[in-house]
Amino acid sequence: PEECESSPNLDDLMNDIGTVIAAKWKLVGVQLMLSNGTLQEIQVQCSGKPDECKLAILQVFAEWRNLGTSPYTWKTMINVLKSPTVGEVTLANNLQTKYYS
């Protein structure tokens, strides 16, 4: 159970989540309480680039870690994924199994 509170690393976030739901980067950012300004900045930075959504979700993860808008833990990310906004319950359950069971 202690691992629920462990901090993810960006590689794991990208491999386990970013590649799967990159298109939902903005919804994830909103759930992590990133500001509209931050999300717009990410959109501008990544717009039109190859792998635009993957770049954007990586930025969301990095901003979440750096800003500390909500606790930087797997538990937070799993709750975000399970939220009605993001709606990735199966992915969340798989991560829960992988990281703390």
N, C-alpha and C. Protein backbone atom coordinates (compact mmCIF):
# COMPACT_ATOMS: atom_id res chain seq x y z
N PRO A 1 0.80 -1.21 0.00
CA PRO A 1 0.00 0.00 0.00
C PRO A 1 0.84 1.27 0.00
N GLU A 2 2.03 1.24 0.61
CA GLU A 2 2.86 2.44 0.62
C GLU A 2 3.18 2.91 -0.79
N GLU A 3 3.28 1.96 -1.71
CA GLU A 3 3.64 2.34 -3.07
C GLU A 3 2.59 3.21 -3.74
N CYS A 4 1.37 3.20 -3.24
CA CYS A 4 0.32 4.07 -3.79
C CYS A 4 0.79 5.51 -3.76
N GLU A 5 1.59 5.82 -2.74
CA GLU A 5 2.04 7.19 -2.57
C GLU A 5 3.36 7.46 -3.28
N SER A 6 3.90 6.45 -3.96
CA SER A 6 5.19 6.65 -4.61
C SER A 6 5.04 7.56 -5.83
N SER A 7 6.11 8.28 -6.11
CA SER A 7 6.10 9.19 -7.25
C SER A 7 6.46 8.44 -8.52
N PRO A 8 5.68 8.65 -9.56
CA PRO A 8 5.99 7.99 -10.83
C PRO A 8 7.18 8.69 -11.49
N ASN A 9 7.85 8.00 -12.40
CA ASN A 9 8.83 8.72 -13.20
C ASN A 9 8.22 8.98 -14.58
N LEU A 10 8.77 9.94 -15.28
CA LEU A 10 8.18 10.36 -16.56
C LEU A 10 8.17 9.23 -17.58
N ASP A 11 9.22 8.39 -17.56
CA ASP A 11 9.25 7.26 -18.50
C ASP A 11 8.06 6.34 -18.30
N ASP A 12 7.81 5.99 -17.02
CA ASP A 12 6.68 5.10 -16.73
C ASP A 12 5.36 5.77 -17.11
N LEU A 13 5.22 7.05 -16.79
CA LEU A 13 4.00 7.76 -17.15
C LEU A 13 3.77 7.73 -18.66
N MET A 14 4.83 7.98 -19.41
CA MET A 14 4.69 8.00 -20.87
C MET A 14 4.40 6.61 -21.42
N ASN A 15 5.17 5.61 -20.95
CA ASN A 15 5.00 4.25 -21.47
C ASN A 15 3.66 3.66 -21.10
N ASP A 16 3.23 3.90 -19.86
CA ASP A 16 2.01 3.25 -19.37
C ASP A 16 0.74 4.04 -19.67
N ILE A 17 0.87 5.36 -19.80
CA ILE A 17 -0.32 6.19 -19.96
C ILE A 17 -0.25 7.05 -21.22
N GLY A 18 0.85 7.76 -21.36
CA GLY A 18 0.99 8.73 -22.45
C GLY A 18 0.79 8.14 -23.83
N THR A 19 1.34 6.96 -24.05
CA THR A 19 1.21 6.35 -25.37
C THR A 19 -0.21 5.84 -25.62
N VAL A 20 -0.92 5.56 -24.54
CA VAL A 20 -2.26 4.97 -24.65
C VAL A 20 -3.34 6.04 -24.83
N ILE A 21 -3.23 7.12 -24.07
CA ILE A 21 -4.31 8.13 -24.09
C ILE A 21 -3.79 9.53 -24.40
N ALA A 22 -2.77 9.59 -25.26
CA ALA A 22 -2.15 10.89 -25.58
C ALA A 22 -3.19 11.92 -26.03
N ALA A 23 -4.19 11.48 -26.77
CA ALA A 23 -5.19 12.41 -27.30
C ALA A 23 -6.01 13.08 -26.19
N LYS A 24 -5.99 12.49 -25.01
CA LYS A 24 -6.75 13.06 -23.87
C LYS A 24 -5.87 13.95 -22.99
N TRP A 25 -4.75 14.42 -23.51
CA TRP A 25 -3.78 15.16 -22.69
C TRP A 25 -4.41 16.36 -21.99
N LYS A 26 -5.31 17.06 -22.69
CA LYS A 26 -5.90 18.27 -22.09
C LYS A 26 -6.83 17.89 -20.93
N LEU A 27 -7.60 16.84 -21.10
CA LEU A 27 -8.49 16.38 -20.03
C LEU A 27 -7.68 15.95 -18.80
N VAL A 28 -6.57 15.26 -19.05
CA VAL A 28 -5.70 14.85 -17.95
C VAL A 28 -5.15 16.09 -17.25
N GLY A 29 -4.73 17.07 -18.03
CA GLY A 29 -4.21 18.32 -17.47
C GLY A 29 -5.22 19.04 -16.61
N VAL A 30 -6.46 19.07 -17.06
CA VAL A 30 -7.53 19.72 -16.29
C VAL A 30 -7.72 18.99 -14.96
N GLN A 31 -7.73 17.66 -15.01
CA GLN A 31 -7.92 16.87 -13.79
C GLN A 31 -6.75 17.03 -12.83
N LEU A 32 -5.57 17.33 -13.36
CA LEU A 32 -4.39 17.55 -12.51
C LEU A 32 -4.31 19.00 -12.04
N MET A 33 -5.36 19.76 -12.35
CA MET A 33 -5.50 21.14 -11.92
C MET A 33 -4.44 22.08 -12.50
N LEU A 34 -4.00 21.78 -13.71
CA LEU A 34 -3.12 22.72 -14.39
C LEU A 34 -3.98 23.90 -14.86
N SER A 35 -3.40 25.07 -14.88
CA SER A 35 -4.17 26.26 -15.27
C SER A 35 -4.47 26.27 -16.76
N ASN A 36 -5.51 27.01 -17.14
CA ASN A 36 -5.83 27.16 -18.56
C ASN A 36 -4.65 27.74 -19.32
N GLY A 37 -3.97 28.69 -18.68
CA GLY A 37 -2.80 29.30 -19.32
C GLY A 37 -1.72 28.27 -19.62
N THR A 38 -1.47 27.40 -18.66
CA THR A 38 -0.47 26.34 -18.85
C THR A 38 -0.89 25.41 -19.97
N LEU A 39 -2.17 25.02 -19.98
CA LEU A 39 -2.65 24.11 -21.03
C LEU A 39 -2.59 24.77 -22.41
N GLN A 40 -2.90 26.06 -22.48
CA GLN A 40 -2.82 26.76 -23.77
C GLN A 40 -1.37 26.85 -24.24
N GLU A 41 -0.46 27.08 -23.29
CA GLU A 41 0.96 27.14 -23.62
C GLU A 41 1.43 25.81 -24.20
N ILE A 42 1.02 24.73 -23.56
CA ILE A 42 1.38 23.39 -24.05
C ILE A 42 0.84 23.19 -25.45
N GLN A 43 -0.41 23.60 -25.67
CA GLN A 43 -1.01 23.43 -26.98
C GLN A 43 -0.23 24.19 -28.05
N VAL A 44 0.17 25.41 -27.74
CA VAL A 44 0.93 26.23 -28.69
C VAL A 44 2.30 25.59 -28.97
N GLN A 45 2.97 25.14 -27.91
CA GLN A 45 4.30 24.53 -28.06
C GLN A 45 4.27 23.27 -28.92
N CYS A 46 3.22 22.49 -28.80
CA CYS A 46 3.18 21.17 -29.44
C CYS A 46 2.42 21.16 -30.76
N SER A 47 1.66 22.19 -31.01
CA SER A 47 0.78 22.22 -32.17
C SER A 47 1.53 22.02 -33.48
N GLY A 48 1.02 21.09 -34.29
CA GLY A 48 1.56 20.87 -35.61
C GLY A 48 2.84 20.04 -35.66
N LYS A 49 3.35 19.64 -34.51
CA LYS A 49 4.57 18.83 -34.49
C LYS A 49 4.22 17.36 -34.63
N PRO A 50 5.17 16.57 -35.14
CA PRO A 50 4.93 15.12 -35.18
C PRO A 50 4.70 14.63 -33.75
N ASP A 51 3.83 13.68 -33.60
CA ASP A 51 3.51 13.16 -32.26
C ASP A 51 3.05 14.26 -31.32
N GLU A 52 2.30 15.20 -31.86
CA GLU A 52 1.80 16.37 -31.13
C GLU A 52 1.19 16.00 -29.77
N CYS A 53 0.31 15.00 -29.77
CA CYS A 53 -0.37 14.63 -28.51
C CYS A 53 0.59 14.01 -27.51
N LYS A 54 1.54 13.21 -27.99
CA LYS A 54 2.51 12.60 -27.07
C LYS A 54 3.39 13.67 -26.44
N LEU A 55 3.79 14.65 -27.22
CA LEU A 55 4.57 15.76 -26.68
C LEU A 55 3.75 16.51 -25.64
N ALA A 56 2.49 16.72 -25.95
CA ALA A 56 1.62 17.48 -25.06
C ALA A 56 1.41 16.75 -23.74
N ILE A 57 1.16 15.45 -23.79
CA ILE A 57 0.92 14.74 -22.52
C ILE A 57 2.21 14.66 -21.70
N LEU A 58 3.35 14.57 -22.37
CA LEU A 58 4.62 14.60 -21.64
C LEU A 58 4.77 15.93 -20.91
N GLN A 59 4.41 17.02 -21.57
CA GLN A 59 4.45 18.35 -20.95
C GLN A 59 3.49 18.42 -19.75
N VAL A 60 2.30 17.85 -19.92
CA VAL A 60 1.33 17.83 -18.82
C VAL A 60 1.93 17.11 -17.61
N PHE A 61 2.54 15.94 -17.84
CA PHE A 61 3.16 15.20 -16.74
C PHE A 61 4.28 16.01 -16.09
N ALA A 62 5.11 16.65 -16.91
CA ALA A 62 6.23 17.44 -16.39
C ALA A 62 5.73 18.64 -15.58
N GLU A 63 4.71 19.31 -16.09
CA GLU A 63 4.14 20.46 -15.37
C GLU A 63 3.53 20.02 -14.04
N TRP A 64 2.83 18.91 -14.07
CA TRP A 64 2.23 18.36 -12.84
C TRP A 64 3.33 18.11 -11.81
N ARG A 65 4.40 17.49 -12.23
CA ARG A 65 5.52 17.19 -11.32
C ARG A 65 6.13 18.49 -10.78
N ASN A 66 6.36 19.45 -11.67
CA ASN A 66 7.07 20.67 -11.29
C ASN A 66 6.21 21.64 -10.49
N LEU A 67 4.93 21.73 -10.84
CA LEU A 67 4.06 22.71 -10.18
C LEU A 67 3.47 22.21 -8.87
N GLY A 68 3.34 20.90 -8.76
CA GLY A 68 2.76 20.34 -7.55
C GLY A 68 1.30 20.74 -7.34
N THR A 69 0.55 20.85 -8.44
CA THR A 69 -0.86 21.24 -8.35
C THR A 69 -1.68 20.22 -7.59
N SER A 70 -1.32 18.96 -7.71
CA SER A 70 -1.92 17.91 -6.89
C SER A 70 -0.78 16.93 -6.62
N PRO A 71 -0.92 16.08 -5.58
CA PRO A 71 0.21 15.22 -5.20
C PRO A 71 0.75 14.41 -6.37
N TYR A 72 2.06 14.43 -6.54
CA TYR A 72 2.71 13.71 -7.65
C TYR A 72 2.91 12.26 -7.25
N THR A 73 1.81 11.50 -7.29
CA THR A 73 1.84 10.10 -6.90
C THR A 73 1.05 9.28 -7.92
N TRP A 74 1.31 7.97 -7.90
CA TRP A 74 0.51 7.07 -8.74
C TRP A 74 -0.96 7.13 -8.34
N LYS A 75 -1.21 7.28 -7.05
CA LYS A 75 -2.59 7.33 -6.57
C LYS A 75 -3.35 8.47 -7.25
N THR A 76 -2.72 9.65 -7.30
CA THR A 76 -3.35 10.79 -7.98
C THR A 76 -3.64 10.45 -9.43
N MET A 77 -2.65 9.89 -10.12
CA MET A 77 -2.83 9.59 -11.55
C MET A 77 -3.93 8.57 -11.76
N ILE A 78 -4.00 7.56 -10.91
CA ILE A 78 -5.04 6.54 -11.03
C ILE A 78 -6.42 7.16 -10.81
N ASN A 79 -6.53 8.07 -9.84
CA ASN A 79 -7.80 8.77 -9.62
C ASN A 79 -8.17 9.64 -10.81
N VAL A 80 -7.18 10.28 -11.42
CA VAL A 80 -7.43 11.09 -12.62
C VAL A 80 -7.96 10.20 -13.74
N LEU A 81 -7.33 9.08 -13.95
CA LEU A 81 -7.75 8.17 -15.02
C LEU A 81 -9.16 7.64 -14.79
N LYS A 82 -9.51 7.42 -13.52
CA LYS A 82 -10.84 6.90 -13.18
C LYS A 82 -11.92 7.98 -13.19
N SER A 83 -11.52 9.24 -13.25
CA SER A 83 -12.51 10.33 -13.21
C SER A 83 -13.44 10.23 -14.41
N PRO A 84 -14.69 10.69 -14.25
CA PRO A 84 -15.63 10.67 -15.38
C PRO A 84 -15.11 11.48 -16.56
N THR A 85 -14.33 12.51 -16.30
CA THR A 85 -13.79 13.35 -17.37
C THR A 85 -12.87 12.56 -18.28
N VAL A 86 -11.97 11.78 -17.69
CA VAL A 86 -10.99 11.03 -18.48
C VAL A 86 -11.54 9.65 -18.86
N GLY A 87 -12.19 8.99 -17.91
CA GLY A 87 -12.91 7.75 -18.19
C GLY A 87 -12.06 6.57 -18.62
N GLU A 88 -10.88 6.43 -18.05
CA GLU A 88 -9.99 5.32 -18.42
C GLU A 88 -9.86 4.36 -17.23
N VAL A 89 -10.98 3.79 -16.84
CA VAL A 89 -11.03 2.94 -15.64
C VAL A 89 -10.19 1.68 -15.82
N THR A 90 -10.27 1.03 -16.96
CA THR A 90 -9.50 -0.20 -17.19
C THR A 90 -8.01 0.07 -17.09
N LEU A 91 -7.57 1.15 -17.74
CA LEU A 91 -6.17 1.53 -17.67
C LEU A 91 -5.76 1.79 -16.21
N ALA A 92 -6.60 2.51 -15.48
CA ALA A 92 -6.33 2.82 -14.08
C ALA A 92 -6.19 1.53 -13.26
N ASN A 93 -7.10 0.60 -13.48
CA ASN A 93 -7.06 -0.67 -12.75
C ASN A 93 -5.79 -1.46 -13.08
N ASN A 94 -5.39 -1.44 -14.35
CA ASN A 94 -4.16 -2.13 -14.75
C ASN A 94 -2.95 -1.51 -14.06
N LEU A 95 -2.92 -0.19 -13.98
CA LEU A 95 -1.80 0.49 -13.31
C LEU A 95 -1.79 0.19 -11.82
N GLN A 96 -2.97 0.14 -11.25
CA GLN A 96 -3.08 -0.16 -9.82
C GLN A 96 -2.48 -1.54 -9.54
N THR A 97 -2.81 -2.48 -10.40
CA THR A 97 -2.28 -3.84 -10.26
C THR A 97 -0.76 -3.83 -10.45
N LYS A 98 -0.30 -3.11 -11.47
CA LYS A 98 1.12 -3.10 -11.79
C LYS A 98 1.96 -2.44 -10.68
N TYR A 99 1.48 -1.32 -10.16
CA TYR A 99 2.32 -0.55 -9.26
C TYR A 99 2.08 -0.79 -7.77
N TYR A 100 0.95 -1.32 -7.42
CA TYR A 100 0.81 -1.64 -5.99
C TYR A 100 -0.20 -2.69 -5.65
N SER A 101 0.20 -3.90 -5.96
CA SER A 101 -0.59 -5.03 -5.45
C SER A 101 0.36 -6.21 -5.29
